[in-house]
Amino acid sequence: MTHTPVTSSNIASIGYDEPSQTLEVTFKNGATYAYSRVPASEHAALMSASSHGKYLNANIKPRYAATKL
């Protein structure tokens, strides 16, 4: 999965695979988490958010199951 670097105090990059609806977030500490069943619209909203970290905490983490990779 290709990741896009983002400007964030905690997040290094974000990747998305539309066929599997998997969102991957790599943090600056090196940890990567995969979030399952995330719609493409949610990924688009995350990428366009003024704060990626705030959007992730408010909209992704509470709604989608995560696995540490």
PDB file of N, CA and C in Angstrom:
ATOM      1  N   MET A   1       0.849  -1.178   0.000  1.00  0.00           N
ATOM      2  CA  MET A   1       0.000   0.000   0.000  1.00  0.00           C
ATOM      3  C   MET A   1       0.893   1.240   0.000  1.00  0.00           C
ATOM      4  N   THR A   2       0.583   2.176  -0.857  1.00  0.00           N
ATOM      5  CA  THR A   2       1.339   3.427  -0.926  1.00  0.00           C
ATOM      6  C   THR A   2       0.833   4.388   0.136  1.00  0.00           C
ATOM      7  N   HIS A   3       1.777   4.958   0.869  1.00  0.00           N
ATOM      8  CA  HIS A   3       1.447   5.945   1.896  1.00  0.00           C
ATOM      9  C   HIS A   3       1.779   7.340   1.408  1.00  0.00           C
ATOM     10  N   THR A   4       0.987   8.295   1.843  1.00  0.00           N
ATOM     11  CA  THR A   4       1.225   9.696   1.534  1.00  0.00           C
ATOM     12  C   THR A   4       1.711  10.389   2.800  1.00  0.00           C
ATOM     13  N   PRO A   5       2.875  11.028   2.766  1.00  0.00           N
ATOM     14  CA  PRO A   5       3.334  11.775   3.935  1.00  0.00           C
ATOM     15  C   PRO A   5       2.373  12.924   4.234  1.00  0.00           C
ATOM     16  N   VAL A   6       2.156  13.189   5.512  1.00  0.00           N
ATOM     17  CA  VAL A   6       1.279  14.294   5.917  1.00  0.00           C
ATOM     18  C   VAL A   6       2.004  15.192   6.915  1.00  0.00           C
ATOM     19  N   THR A   7       1.514  16.424   7.005  1.00  0.00           N
ATOM     20  CA  THR A   7       2.043  17.366   7.982  1.00  0.00           C
ATOM     21  C   THR A   7       1.219  17.222   9.250  1.00  0.00           C
ATOM     22  N   SER A   8       1.832  16.671  10.275  1.00  0.00           N
ATOM     23  CA  SER A   8       1.138  16.401  11.530  1.00  0.00           C
ATOM     24  C   SER A   8       2.176  16.256  12.633  1.00  0.00           C
ATOM     25  N   SER A   9       1.781  16.576  13.846  1.00  0.00           N
ATOM     26  CA  SER A   9       2.723  16.435  14.962  1.00  0.00           C
ATOM     27  C   SER A   9       2.913  14.976  15.365  1.00  0.00           C
ATOM     28  N   ASN A  10       1.934  14.111  15.073  1.00  0.00           N
ATOM     29  CA  ASN A  10       2.016  12.705  15.479  1.00  0.00           C
ATOM     30  C   ASN A  10       1.989  11.702  14.333  1.00  0.00           C
ATOM     31  N   ILE A  11       1.394  12.058  13.209  1.00  0.00           N
ATOM     32  CA  ILE A  11       1.224  11.132  12.093  1.00  0.00           C
ATOM     33  C   ILE A  11       2.283  11.403  11.029  1.00  0.00           C
ATOM     34  N   ALA A  12       2.960  10.332  10.591  1.00  0.00           N
ATOM     35  CA  ALA A  12       3.981  10.460   9.550  1.00  0.00           C
ATOM     36  C   ALA A  12       3.373  10.313   8.158  1.00  0.00           C
ATOM     37  N   SER A  13       2.509   9.295   7.987  1.00  0.00           N
ATOM     38  CA  SER A  13       1.917   9.055   6.670  1.00  0.00           C
ATOM     39  C   SER A  13       0.604   8.297   6.794  1.00  0.00           C
ATOM     40  N   ILE A  14      -0.172   8.373   5.701  1.00  0.00           N
ATOM     41  CA  ILE A  14      -1.475   7.713   5.651  1.00  0.00           C
ATOM     42  C   ILE A  14      -1.585   6.985   4.318  1.00  0.00           C
ATOM     43  N   GLY A  15      -2.049   5.736   4.383  1.00  0.00           N
ATOM     44  CA  GLY A  15      -2.272   4.951   3.175  1.00  0.00           C
ATOM     45  C   GLY A  15      -3.697   4.446   3.145  1.00  0.00           C
ATOM     46  N   TYR A  16      -4.188   4.173   1.944  1.00  0.00           N
ATOM     47  CA  TYR A  16      -5.559   3.666   1.813  1.00  0.00           C
ATOM     48  C   TYR A  16      -5.655   2.704   0.643  1.00  0.00           C
ATOM     49  N   ASP A  17      -6.324   1.573   0.869  1.00  0.00           N
ATOM     50  CA  ASP A  17      -6.600   0.592  -0.176  1.00  0.00           C
ATOM     51  C   ASP A  17      -8.114   0.523  -0.341  1.00  0.00           C
ATOM     52  N   GLU A  18      -8.605   1.087  -1.440  1.00  0.00           N
ATOM     53  CA  GLU A  18     -10.054   1.168  -1.637  1.00  0.00           C
ATOM     54  C   GLU A  18     -10.741  -0.187  -1.773  1.00  0.00           C
ATOM     55  N   PRO A  19     -10.195  -1.153  -2.533  1.00  0.00           N
ATOM     56  CA  PRO A  19     -10.892  -2.442  -2.658  1.00  0.00           C
ATOM     57  C   PRO A  19     -11.142  -3.142  -1.305  1.00  0.00           C
ATOM     58  N   SER A  20     -10.179  -3.063  -0.409  1.00  0.00           N
ATOM     59  CA  SER A  20     -10.349  -3.722   0.900  1.00  0.00           C
ATOM     60  C   SER A  20     -10.849  -2.758   1.978  1.00  0.00           C
ATOM     61  N   GLN A  21     -10.984  -1.483   1.632  1.00  0.00           N
ATOM     62  CA  GLN A  21     -11.392  -0.429   2.571  1.00  0.00           C
ATOM     63  C   GLN A  21     -10.508  -0.427   3.819  1.00  0.00           C
ATOM     64  N   THR A  22      -9.191  -0.550   3.586  1.00  0.00           N
ATOM     65  CA  THR A  22      -8.230  -0.547   4.686  1.00  0.00           C
ATOM     66  C   THR A  22      -7.487   0.777   4.707  1.00  0.00           C
ATOM     67  N   LEU A  23      -7.512   1.412   5.856  1.00  0.00           N
ATOM     68  CA  LEU A  23      -6.795   2.664   6.082  1.00  0.00           C
ATOM     69  C   LEU A  23      -5.602   2.358   6.971  1.00  0.00           C
ATOM     70  N   GLU A  24      -4.400   2.715   6.534  1.00  0.00           N
ATOM     71  CA  GLU A  24      -3.201   2.530   7.350  1.00  0.00           C
ATOM     72  C   GLU A  24      -2.669   3.885   7.772  1.00  0.00           C
ATOM     73  N   VAL A  25      -2.330   3.976   9.039  1.00  0.00           N
ATOM     74  CA  VAL A  25      -1.758   5.205   9.583  1.00  0.00           C
ATOM     75  C   VAL A  25      -0.431   4.857  10.239  1.00  0.00           C
ATOM     76  N   THR A  26       0.629   5.504   9.785  1.00  0.00           N
ATOM     77  CA  THR A  26       1.944   5.328  10.388  1.00  0.00           C
ATOM     78  C   THR A  26       2.247   6.569  11.209  1.00  0.00           C
ATOM     79  N   PHE A  27       2.559   6.338  12.469  1.00  0.00           N
ATOM     80  CA  PHE A  27       2.836   7.432  13.385  1.00  0.00           C
ATOM     81  C   PHE A  27       4.329   7.732  13.402  1.00  0.00           C
ATOM     82  N   LYS A  28       4.677   8.905  13.885  1.00  0.00           N
ATOM     83  CA  LYS A  28       6.081   9.320  13.917  1.00  0.00           C
ATOM     84  C   LYS A  28       6.925   8.455  14.840  1.00  0.00           C
ATOM     85  N   ASN A  29       6.288   7.725  15.758  1.00  0.00           N
ATOM     86  CA  ASN A  29       7.035   6.819  16.636  1.00  0.00           C
ATOM     87  C   ASN A  29       7.335   5.491  15.952  1.00  0.00           C
ATOM     88  N   GLY A  30       6.884   5.337  14.689  1.00  0.00           N
ATOM     89  CA  GLY A  30       7.159   4.132  13.914  1.00  0.00           C
ATOM     90  C   GLY A  30       6.042   3.112  13.896  1.00  0.00           C
ATOM     91  N   ALA A  31       5.058   3.245  14.761  1.00  0.00           N
ATOM     92  CA  ALA A  31       3.944   2.294  14.806  1.00  0.00           C
ATOM     93  C   ALA A  31       2.992   2.528  13.635  1.00  0.00           C
ATOM     94  N   THR A  32       2.497   1.418  13.060  1.00  0.00           N
ATOM     95  CA  THR A  32       1.512   1.495  11.983  1.00  0.00           C
ATOM     96  C   THR A  32       0.275   0.723  12.395  1.00  0.00           C
ATOM     97  N   TYR A  33      -0.877   1.336  12.181  1.00  0.00           N
ATOM     98  CA  TYR A  33      -2.152   0.706  12.489  1.00  0.00           C
ATOM     99  C   TYR A  33      -2.993   0.627  11.228  1.00  0.00           C
ATOM    100  N   ALA A  34      -3.689  -0.492  11.060  1.00  0.00           N
ATOM    101  CA  ALA A  34      -4.614  -0.685   9.947  1.00  0.00           C
ATOM    102  C   ALA A  34      -6.036  -0.644  10.497  1.00  0.00           C
ATOM    103  N   TYR A  35      -6.850   0.221   9.917  1.00  0.00           N
ATOM    104  CA  TYR A  35      -8.249   0.356  10.312  1.00  0.00           C
ATOM    105  C   TYR A  35      -9.107  -0.303   9.232  1.00  0.00           C
ATOM    106  N   SER A  36     -10.033  -1.164   9.652  1.00  0.00           N
ATOM    107  CA  SER A  36     -10.835  -1.968   8.725  1.00  0.00           C
ATOM    108  C   SER A  36     -12.157  -1.313   8.371  1.00  0.00           C
ATOM    109  N   ARG A  37     -12.605  -1.577   7.135  1.00  0.00           N
ATOM    110  CA  ARG A  37     -13.922  -1.175   6.645  1.00  0.00           C
ATOM    111  C   ARG A  37     -14.135   0.334   6.691  1.00  0.00           C
ATOM    112  N   VAL A  38     -13.114   1.074   6.322  1.00  0.00           N
ATOM    113  CA  VAL A  38     -13.197   2.533   6.295  1.00  0.00           C
ATOM    114  C   VAL A  38     -13.613   2.949   4.877  1.00  0.00           C
ATOM    115  N   PRO A  39     -14.750   3.628   4.736  1.00  0.00           N
ATOM    116  CA  PRO A  39     -15.188   4.052   3.405  1.00  0.00           C
ATOM    117  C   PRO A  39     -14.220   5.064   2.783  1.00  0.00           C
ATOM    118  N   ALA A  40     -14.202   5.091   1.456  1.00  0.00           N
ATOM    119  CA  ALA A  40     -13.334   6.039   0.741  1.00  0.00           C
ATOM    120  C   ALA A  40     -13.641   7.482   1.128  1.00  0.00           C
ATOM    121  N   SER A  41     -14.901   7.778   1.394  1.00  0.00           N
ATOM    122  CA  SER A  41     -15.280   9.139   1.774  1.00  0.00           C
ATOM    123  C   SER A  41     -14.635   9.546   3.097  1.00  0.00           C
ATOM    124  N   GLU A  42     -14.483   8.590   4.000  1.00  0.00           N
ATOM    125  CA  GLU A  42     -13.849   8.858   5.294  1.00  0.00           C
ATOM    126  C   GLU A  42     -12.356   9.119   5.105  1.00  0.00           C
ATOM    127  N   HIS A  43     -11.719   8.345   4.224  1.00  0.00           N
ATOM    128  CA  HIS A  43     -10.310   8.577   3.920  1.00  0.00           C
ATOM    129  C   HIS A  43     -10.125   9.963   3.311  1.00  0.00           C
ATOM    130  N   ALA A  44     -10.996  10.342   2.386  1.00  0.00           N
ATOM    131  CA  ALA A  44     -10.909  11.657   1.750  1.00  0.00           C
ATOM    132  C   ALA A  44     -11.065  12.771   2.783  1.00  0.00           C
ATOM    133  N   ALA A  45     -11.996  12.597   3.704  1.00  0.00           N
ATOM    134  CA  ALA A  45     -12.206  13.604   4.740  1.00  0.00           C
ATOM    135  C   ALA A  45     -10.985  13.715   5.659  1.00  0.00           C
ATOM    136  N   LEU A  46     -10.374  12.577   5.981  1.00  0.00           N
ATOM    137  CA  LEU A  46      -9.166  12.580   6.806  1.00  0.00           C
ATOM    138  C   LEU A  46      -8.042  13.326   6.099  1.00  0.00           C
ATOM    139  N   MET A  47      -7.862  13.053   4.823  1.00  0.00           N
ATOM    140  CA  MET A  47      -6.770  13.676   4.078  1.00  0.00           C
ATOM    141  C   MET A  47      -6.971  15.177   3.906  1.00  0.00           C
ATOM    142  N   SER A  48      -8.217  15.636   3.870  1.00  0.00           N
ATOM    143  CA  SER A  48      -8.475  17.063   3.678  1.00  0.00           C
ATOM    144  C   SER A  48      -8.691  17.816   4.989  1.00  0.00           C
ATOM    145  N   ALA A  49      -8.654  17.108   6.106  1.00  0.00           N
ATOM    146  CA  ALA A  49      -8.865  17.751   7.408  1.00  0.00           C
ATOM    147  C   ALA A  49      -7.724  18.714   7.732  1.00  0.00           C
ATOM    148  N   SER A  50      -8.055  19.795   8.423  1.00  0.00           N
ATOM    149  CA  SER A  50      -7.024  20.762   8.808  1.00  0.00           C
ATOM    150  C   SER A  50      -6.072  20.162   9.836  1.00  0.00           C
ATOM    151  N   SER A  51      -6.568  19.202  10.625  1.00  0.00           N
ATOM    152  CA  SER A  51      -5.727  18.481  11.583  1.00  0.00           C
ATOM    153  C   SER A  51      -5.988  16.990  11.413  1.00  0.00           C
ATOM    154  N   HIS A  52      -5.021  16.284  10.839  1.00  0.00           N
ATOM    155  CA  HIS A  52      -5.177  14.845  10.613  1.00  0.00           C
ATOM    156  C   HIS A  52      -5.345  14.100  11.939  1.00  0.00           C
ATOM    157  N   GLY A  53      -4.561  14.484  12.938  1.00  0.00           N
ATOM    158  CA  GLY A  53      -4.628  13.817  14.239  1.00  0.00           C
ATOM    159  C   GLY A  53      -5.966  13.991  14.924  1.00  0.00           C
ATOM    160  N   LYS A  54      -6.495  15.199  14.897  1.00  0.00           N
ATOM    161  CA  LYS A  54      -7.803  15.444  15.527  1.00  0.00           C
ATOM    162  C   LYS A  54      -8.899  14.679  14.804  1.00  0.00           C
ATOM    163  N   TYR A  55      -8.828  14.657  13.469  1.00  0.00           N
ATOM    164  CA  TYR A  55      -9.842  13.925  12.708  1.00  0.00           C
ATOM    165  C   TYR A  55      -9.756  12.430  13.003  1.00  0.00           C
ATOM    166  N   LEU A  56      -8.539  11.907  13.035  1.00  0.00           N
ATOM    167  CA  LEU A  56      -8.346  10.489  13.340  1.00  0.00           C
ATOM    168  C   LEU A  56      -8.930  10.143  14.700  1.00  0.00           C
ATOM    169  N   ASN A  57      -8.619  10.946  15.705  1.00  0.00           N
ATOM    170  CA  ASN A  57      -9.093  10.680  17.067  1.00  0.00           C
ATOM    171  C   ASN A  57     -10.607  10.809  17.203  1.00  0.00           C
ATOM    172  N   ALA A  58     -11.206  11.757  16.480  1.00  0.00           N
ATOM    173  CA  ALA A  58     -12.639  12.004  16.620  1.00  0.00           C
ATOM    174  C   ALA A  58     -13.504  11.108  15.742  1.00  0.00           C
ATOM    175  N   ASN A  59     -12.993  10.728  14.566  1.00  0.00           N
ATOM    176  CA  ASN A  59     -13.854  10.050  13.594  1.00  0.00           C
ATOM    177  C   ASN A  59     -13.436   8.650  13.179  1.00  0.00           C
ATOM    178  N   ILE A  60     -12.163   8.337  13.263  1.00  0.00           N
ATOM    179  CA  ILE A  60     -11.700   7.020  12.815  1.00  0.00           C
ATOM    180  C   ILE A  60     -11.559   6.051  13.994  1.00  0.00           C
ATOM    181  N   LYS A  61     -10.783   6.443  14.987  1.00  0.00           N
ATOM    182  CA  LYS A  61     -10.526   5.536  16.119  1.00  0.00           C
ATOM    183  C   LYS A  61     -11.795   5.049  16.808  1.00  0.00           C
ATOM    184  N   PRO A  62     -12.791   5.911  17.049  1.00  0.00           N
ATOM    185  CA  PRO A  62     -13.994   5.415  17.758  1.00  0.00           C
ATOM    186  C   PRO A  62     -14.900   4.509  16.925  1.00  0.00           C
ATOM    187  N   ARG A  63     -14.763   4.545  15.588  1.00  0.00           N
ATOM    188  CA  ARG A  63     -15.717   3.843  14.731  1.00  0.00           C
ATOM    189  C   ARG A  63     -15.206   2.600  14.025  1.00  0.00           C
ATOM    190  N   TYR A  64     -13.878   2.483  13.881  1.00  0.00           N
ATOM    191  CA  TYR A  64     -13.341   1.403  13.064  1.00  0.00           C
ATOM    192  C   TYR A  64     -12.322   0.566  13.846  1.00  0.00           C
ATOM    193  N   ALA A  65     -12.393  -0.732  13.637  1.00  0.00           N
ATOM    194  CA  ALA A  65     -11.477  -1.654  14.328  1.00  0.00           C
ATOM    195  C   ALA A  65     -10.055  -1.459  13.800  1.00  0.00           C
ATOM    196  N   ALA A  66      -9.095  -1.482  14.725  1.00  0.00           N
ATOM    197  CA  ALA A  66      -7.704  -1.277  14.355  1.00  0.00           C
ATOM    198  C   ALA A  66      -6.858  -2.492  14.727  1.00  0.00           C
ATOM    199  N   THR A  67      -5.849  -2.739  13.895  1.00  0.00           N
ATOM    200  CA  THR A  67      -4.868  -3.779  14.159  1.00  0.00           C
ATOM    201  C   THR A  67      -3.502  -3.148  14.040  1.00  0.00           C
ATOM    202  N   LYS A  68      -2.640  -3.393  15.040  1.00  0.00           N
ATOM    203  CA  LYS A  68      -1.268  -2.900  14.952  1.00  0.00           C
ATOM    204  C   LYS A  68      -0.490  -3.808  14.027  1.00  0.00           C
ATOM    205  N   LEU A  69       0.202  -3.211  13.079  1.00  0.00           N
ATOM    206  CA  LEU A  69       0.982  -4.005  12.102  1.00  0.00           C
ATOM    207  C   LEU A  69       2.420  -4.141  12.539  1.00  0.00           C
TER     208      LEU A  69
END
